[in-house]
PDB file of all heavy atoms in Angstrom:
ATOM      1  N   LEU A   1      -5.226  -1.509 -18.233  1.00  0.00           N
ATOM      2  CA  LEU A   1      -4.750  -0.389 -19.032  1.00  0.00           C
ATOM      3  C   LEU A   1      -3.359   0.050 -18.593  1.00  0.00           C
ATOM      4  O   LEU A   1      -2.473   0.314 -19.406  1.00  0.00           O
ATOM      5  CB  LEU A   1      -5.693   0.773 -18.917  1.00  0.00           C
ATOM      6  CG  LEU A   1      -6.933   0.839 -19.813  1.00  0.00           C
ATOM      7  CD1 LEU A   1      -7.813   2.032 -19.467  1.00  0.00           C
ATOM      8  CD2 LEU A   1      -6.561   0.819 -21.249  1.00  0.00           C
ATOM      9  N   LYS A   2      -3.132   0.131 -17.265  1.00  0.00           N
ATOM     10  CA  LYS A   2      -1.861   0.542 -16.747  1.00  0.00           C
ATOM     11  C   LYS A   2      -0.736  -0.431 -17.173  1.00  0.00           C
ATOM     12  O   LYS A   2       0.391  -0.046 -17.399  1.00  0.00           O
ATOM     13  CB  LYS A   2      -1.892   0.634 -15.240  1.00  0.00           C
ATOM     14  CG  LYS A   2      -2.724   1.823 -14.742  1.00  0.00           C
ATOM     15  CD  LYS A   2      -2.474   2.074 -13.251  1.00  0.00           C
ATOM     16  CE  LYS A   2      -3.053   0.988 -12.414  1.00  0.00           C
ATOM     17  NZ  LYS A   2      -2.924   1.237 -10.977  1.00  0.00           N
ATOM     18  N   ALA A   3      -1.105  -1.708 -17.286  1.00  0.00           N
ATOM     19  CA  ALA A   3      -0.085  -2.718 -17.609  1.00  0.00           C
ATOM     20  C   ALA A   3       0.142  -2.854 -19.112  1.00  0.00           C
ATOM     21  O   ALA A   3       1.016  -3.580 -19.532  1.00  0.00           O
ATOM     22  CB  ALA A   3      -0.541  -4.087 -17.041  1.00  0.00           C
ATOM     23  N   ALA A   4      -0.660  -2.125 -19.906  1.00  0.00           N
ATOM     24  CA  ALA A   4      -0.585  -2.312 -21.373  1.00  0.00           C
ATOM     25  C   ALA A   4       0.186  -1.192 -22.045  1.00  0.00           C
ATOM     26  O   ALA A   4       0.053  -0.982 -23.221  1.00  0.00           O
ATOM     27  CB  ALA A   4      -1.988  -2.353 -21.947  1.00  0.00           C
ATOM     28  N   GLY A   5       1.030  -0.475 -21.302  1.00  0.00           N
ATOM     29  CA  GLY A   5       1.792   0.610 -21.903  1.00  0.00           C
ATOM     30  C   GLY A   5       2.663   0.192 -23.044  1.00  0.00           C
ATOM     31  O   GLY A   5       2.829   0.900 -24.008  1.00  0.00           O
ATOM     32  N   GLY A   6       3.243  -1.000 -22.950  1.00  0.00           N
ATOM     33  CA  GLY A   6       4.001  -1.550 -24.066  1.00  0.00           C
ATOM     34  C   GLY A   6       5.146  -0.628 -24.469  1.00  0.00           C
ATOM     35  O   GLY A   6       6.025  -0.330 -23.686  1.00  0.00           O
ATOM     36  N   PRO A   7       5.100  -0.183 -25.735  1.00  0.00           N
ATOM     37  CA  PRO A   7       6.223   0.597 -26.253  1.00  0.00           C
ATOM     38  C   PRO A   7       6.598   1.822 -25.422  1.00  0.00           C
ATOM     39  O   PRO A   7       7.780   2.174 -25.362  1.00  0.00           O
ATOM     40  CB  PRO A   7       5.728   1.002 -27.647  1.00  0.00           C
ATOM     41  CG  PRO A   7       4.792  -0.064 -28.003  1.00  0.00           C
ATOM     42  CD  PRO A   7       4.121  -0.484 -26.741  1.00  0.00           C
ATOM     43  N   THR A   8       5.621   2.481 -24.805  1.00  0.00           N
ATOM     44  CA  THR A   8       5.988   3.685 -24.046  1.00  0.00           C
ATOM     45  C   THR A   8       6.794   3.388 -22.803  1.00  0.00           C
ATOM     46  O   THR A   8       7.340   4.304 -22.163  1.00  0.00           O
ATOM     47  CB  THR A   8       4.715   4.492 -23.671  1.00  0.00           C
ATOM     48  OG1 THR A   8       3.858   3.691 -22.881  1.00  0.00           O
ATOM     49  CG2 THR A   8       3.989   4.981 -24.911  1.00  0.00           C
ATOM     50  N   ASP A   9       6.867   2.095 -22.424  1.00  0.00           N
ATOM     51  CA  ASP A   9       7.638   1.699 -21.256  1.00  0.00           C
ATOM     52  C   ASP A   9       8.990   1.128 -21.651  1.00  0.00           C
ATOM     53  O   ASP A   9       9.768   0.692 -20.776  1.00  0.00           O
ATOM     54  CB  ASP A   9       6.895   0.671 -20.415  1.00  0.00           C
ATOM     55  CG  ASP A   9       5.704   1.266 -19.702  1.00  0.00           C
ATOM     56  OD1 ASP A   9       5.782   2.462 -19.346  1.00  0.00           O
ATOM     57  OD2 ASP A   9       4.717   0.560 -19.515  1.00  0.00           O
ATOM     58  N   ARG A  10       9.339   1.156 -22.921  1.00  0.00           N
ATOM     59  CA  ARG A  10      10.581   0.532 -23.376  1.00  0.00           C
ATOM     60  C   ARG A  10      11.784   1.426 -23.013  1.00  0.00           C
ATOM     61  O   ARG A  10      11.659   2.581 -22.685  1.00  0.00           O
ATOM     62  CB  ARG A  10      10.527   0.323 -24.871  1.00  0.00           C
ATOM     63  CG  ARG A  10      10.619   1.575 -25.721  1.00  0.00           C
ATOM     64  CD  ARG A  10      10.228   1.329 -27.159  1.00  0.00           C
ATOM     65  NE  ARG A  10      10.438   2.486 -28.016  1.00  0.00           N
ATOM     66  CZ  ARG A  10       9.926   2.632 -29.229  1.00  0.00           C
ATOM     67  NH1 ARG A  10       9.129   1.680 -29.747  1.00  0.00           N
ATOM     68  NH2 ARG A  10      10.181   3.738 -29.942  1.00  0.00           N
ATOM     69  N   GLY A  11      12.935   0.761 -23.042  1.00  0.00           N
ATOM     70  CA  GLY A  11      14.191   1.518 -22.962  1.00  0.00           C
ATOM     71  C   GLY A  11      14.629   1.915 -21.578  1.00  0.00           C
ATOM     72  O   GLY A  11      15.562   2.727 -21.428  1.00  0.00           O
ATOM     73  N   ARG A  12      13.991   1.411 -20.494  1.00  0.00           N
ATOM     74  CA  ARG A  12      14.479   1.796 -19.177  1.00  0.00           C
ATOM     75  C   ARG A  12      14.601   0.562 -18.288  1.00  0.00           C
ATOM     76  O   ARG A  12      14.044  -0.512 -18.556  1.00  0.00           O
ATOM     77  CB  ARG A  12      13.574   2.818 -18.511  1.00  0.00           C
ATOM     78  CG  ARG A  12      12.130   2.363 -18.282  1.00  0.00           C
ATOM     79  CD  ARG A  12      11.225   2.754 -19.356  1.00  0.00           C
ATOM     80  NE  ARG A  12      10.559   4.028 -19.125  1.00  0.00           N
ATOM     81  CZ  ARG A  12       9.882   4.673 -20.093  1.00  0.00           C
ATOM     82  NH1 ARG A  12       9.747   4.151 -21.287  1.00  0.00           N
ATOM     83  NH2 ARG A  12       9.254   5.817 -19.833  1.00  0.00           N
ATOM     84  N   ARG A  13      15.324   0.792 -17.193  1.00  0.00           N
ATOM     85  CA  ARG A  13      15.428  -0.252 -16.145  1.00  0.00           C
ATOM     86  C   ARG A  13      14.545   0.156 -14.989  1.00  0.00           C
ATOM     87  O   ARG A  13      14.237   1.313 -14.828  1.00  0.00           O
ATOM     88  CB  ARG A  13      16.894  -0.412 -15.678  1.00  0.00           C
ATOM     89  CG  ARG A  13      17.828  -0.869 -16.778  1.00  0.00           C
ATOM     90  CD  ARG A  13      19.281  -0.896 -16.269  1.00  0.00           C
ATOM     91  NE  ARG A  13      19.805   0.453 -15.986  1.00  0.00           N
ATOM     92  CZ  ARG A  13      20.785   0.704 -15.129  1.00  0.00           C
ATOM     93  NH1 ARG A  13      21.339  -0.274 -14.410  1.00  0.00           N
ATOM     94  NH2 ARG A  13      21.219   1.955 -14.941  1.00  0.00           N
ATOM     95  N   SER A  14      14.104  -0.845 -14.189  1.00  0.00           N
ATOM     96  CA  SER A  14      13.148  -0.566 -13.114  1.00  0.00           C
ATOM     97  C   SER A  14      13.765  -0.980 -11.758  1.00  0.00           C
ATOM     98  O   SER A  14      14.353  -2.072 -11.608  1.00  0.00           O
ATOM     99  CB  SER A  14      11.871  -1.380 -13.335  1.00  0.00           C
ATOM    100  OG  SER A  14      11.052  -1.337 -12.169  1.00  0.00           O
ATOM    101  N   ILE A  15      13.556  -0.050 -10.814  1.00  0.00           N
ATOM    102  CA  ILE A  15      13.866  -0.354  -9.395  1.00  0.00           C
ATOM    103  C   ILE A  15      12.583  -0.128  -8.615  1.00  0.00           C
ATOM    104  O   ILE A  15      11.909   0.892  -8.803  1.00  0.00           O
ATOM    105  CB  ILE A  15      15.031   0.537  -8.877  1.00  0.00           C
ATOM    106  CG1 ILE A  15      15.306   0.236  -7.369  1.00  0.00           C
ATOM    107  CG2 ILE A  15      14.770   2.004  -9.085  1.00  0.00           C
ATOM    108  CD1 ILE A  15      16.571   0.936  -6.861  1.00  0.00           C
ATOM    109  N   ALA A  16      12.226  -1.083  -7.733  1.00  0.00           N
ATOM    110  CA  ALA A  16      11.014  -0.938  -6.912  1.00  0.00           C
ATOM    111  C   ALA A  16      11.395  -0.453  -5.546  1.00  0.00           C
ATOM    112  O   ALA A  16      12.227  -1.068  -4.860  1.00  0.00           O
ATOM    113  CB  ALA A  16      10.307  -2.309  -6.851  1.00  0.00           C
ATOM    114  N   ILE A  17      10.784   0.685  -5.145  1.00  0.00           N
ATOM    115  CA  ILE A  17      11.103   1.265  -3.862  1.00  0.00           C
ATOM    116  C   ILE A  17       9.808   1.651  -3.129  1.00  0.00           C
ATOM    117  O   ILE A  17       8.840   2.126  -3.752  1.00  0.00           O
ATOM    118  CB  ILE A  17      11.946   2.556  -4.106  1.00  0.00           C
ATOM    119  CG1 ILE A  17      13.244   2.206  -4.835  1.00  0.00           C
ATOM    120  CG2 ILE A  17      12.233   3.268  -2.779  1.00  0.00           C
ATOM    121  CD1 ILE A  17      14.147   3.404  -5.117  1.00  0.00           C
ATOM    122  N   ASP A  18       9.808   1.462  -1.845  1.00  0.00           N
ATOM    123  CA  ASP A  18       8.726   1.875  -0.977  1.00  0.00           C
ATOM    124  C   ASP A  18       8.870   3.358  -0.704  1.00  0.00           C
ATOM    125  O   ASP A  18       9.688   3.790   0.131  1.00  0.00           O
ATOM    126  CB  ASP A  18       8.729   1.063   0.304  1.00  0.00           C
ATOM    127  CG  ASP A  18       7.541   1.462   1.216  1.00  0.00           C
ATOM    128  OD1 ASP A  18       6.722   2.332   0.844  1.00  0.00           O
ATOM    129  OD2 ASP A  18       7.487   0.876   2.339  1.00  0.00           O
ATOM    130  N   LEU A  19       8.097   4.185  -1.432  1.00  0.00           N
ATOM    131  CA  LEU A  19       8.212   5.626  -1.301  1.00  0.00           C
ATOM    132  C   LEU A  19       7.505   6.158  -0.027  1.00  0.00           C
ATOM    133  O   LEU A  19       7.577   7.388   0.230  1.00  0.00           O
ATOM    134  CB  LEU A  19       7.683   6.326  -2.529  1.00  0.00           C
ATOM    135  CG  LEU A  19       8.430   6.006  -3.840  1.00  0.00           C
ATOM    136  CD1 LEU A  19       7.834   6.796  -5.005  1.00  0.00           C
ATOM    137  CD2 LEU A  19       9.943   6.328  -3.688  1.00  0.00           C
ATOM    138  N   LYS A  20       6.853   5.282   0.724  1.00  0.00           N
ATOM    139  CA  LYS A  20       6.261   5.697   2.005  1.00  0.00           C
ATOM    140  C   LYS A  20       7.266   5.539   3.153  1.00  0.00           C
ATOM    141  O   LYS A  20       6.976   5.995   4.275  1.00  0.00           O
ATOM    142  CB  LYS A  20       5.003   4.926   2.284  1.00  0.00           C
ATOM    143  CG  LYS A  20       3.879   5.257   1.295  1.00  0.00           C
ATOM    144  CD  LYS A  20       2.556   4.495   1.650  1.00  0.00           C
ATOM    145  CE  LYS A  20       1.479   4.812   0.659  1.00  0.00           C
ATOM    146  NZ  LYS A  20       0.196   4.091   0.980  1.00  0.00           N
ATOM    147  N   ASN A  21       8.381   4.920   2.842  1.00  0.00           N
ATOM    148  CA  ASN A  21       9.395   4.657   3.860  1.00  0.00           C
ATOM    149  C   ASN A  21      10.486   5.716   3.736  1.00  0.00           C
ATOM    150  O   ASN A  21      10.978   5.944   2.626  1.00  0.00           O
ATOM    151  CB  ASN A  21       9.978   3.254   3.678  1.00  0.00           C
ATOM    152  CG  ASN A  21      10.925   2.848   4.760  1.00  0.00           C
ATOM    153  OD1 ASN A  21      11.794   3.599   5.137  1.00  0.00           O
ATOM    154  ND2 ASN A  21      10.722   1.638   5.293  1.00  0.00           N
ATOM    155  N   PRO A  22      10.842   6.424   4.803  1.00  0.00           N
ATOM    156  CA  PRO A  22      11.897   7.458   4.713  1.00  0.00           C
ATOM    157  C   PRO A  22      13.211   6.941   4.083  1.00  0.00           C
ATOM    158  O   PRO A  22      13.867   7.664   3.338  1.00  0.00           O
ATOM    159  CB  PRO A  22      12.077   7.891   6.154  1.00  0.00           C
ATOM    160  CG  PRO A  22      10.794   7.600   6.799  1.00  0.00           C
ATOM    161  CD  PRO A  22      10.267   6.343   6.162  1.00  0.00           C
ATOM    162  N   ARG A  23      13.527   5.689   4.372  1.00  0.00           N
ATOM    163  CA  ARG A  23      14.749   5.136   3.768  1.00  0.00           C
ATOM    164  C   ARG A  23      14.576   4.940   2.265  1.00  0.00           C
ATOM    165  O   ARG A  23      15.535   5.000   1.510  1.00  0.00           O
ATOM    166  CB  ARG A  23      15.122   3.796   4.451  1.00  0.00           C
ATOM    167  CG  ARG A  23      15.783   4.007   5.819  1.00  0.00           C
ATOM    168  CD  ARG A  23      16.427   2.742   6.289  1.00  0.00           C
ATOM    169  NE  ARG A  23      17.528   2.325   5.468  1.00  0.00           N
ATOM    170  CZ  ARG A  23      18.207   1.171   5.571  1.00  0.00           C
ATOM    171  NH1 ARG A  23      17.806   0.304   6.537  1.00  0.00           N
ATOM    172  NH2 ARG A  23      19.218   0.853   4.795  1.00  0.00           N
ATOM    173  N   GLY A  24      13.328   4.689   1.847  1.00  0.00           N
ATOM    174  CA  GLY A  24      13.046   4.614   0.417  1.00  0.00           C
ATOM    175  C   GLY A  24      13.314   5.950  -0.275  1.00  0.00           C
ATOM    176  O   GLY A  24      13.887   6.014  -1.332  1.00  0.00           O
TER     177      GLY A  24
END
């Protein structure tokens, strides 16, 4: 279900960040 967002995920760019890391 999380991967099936489809249209609602359109129009943006993605950056992957480790939010548990202070440098993240």
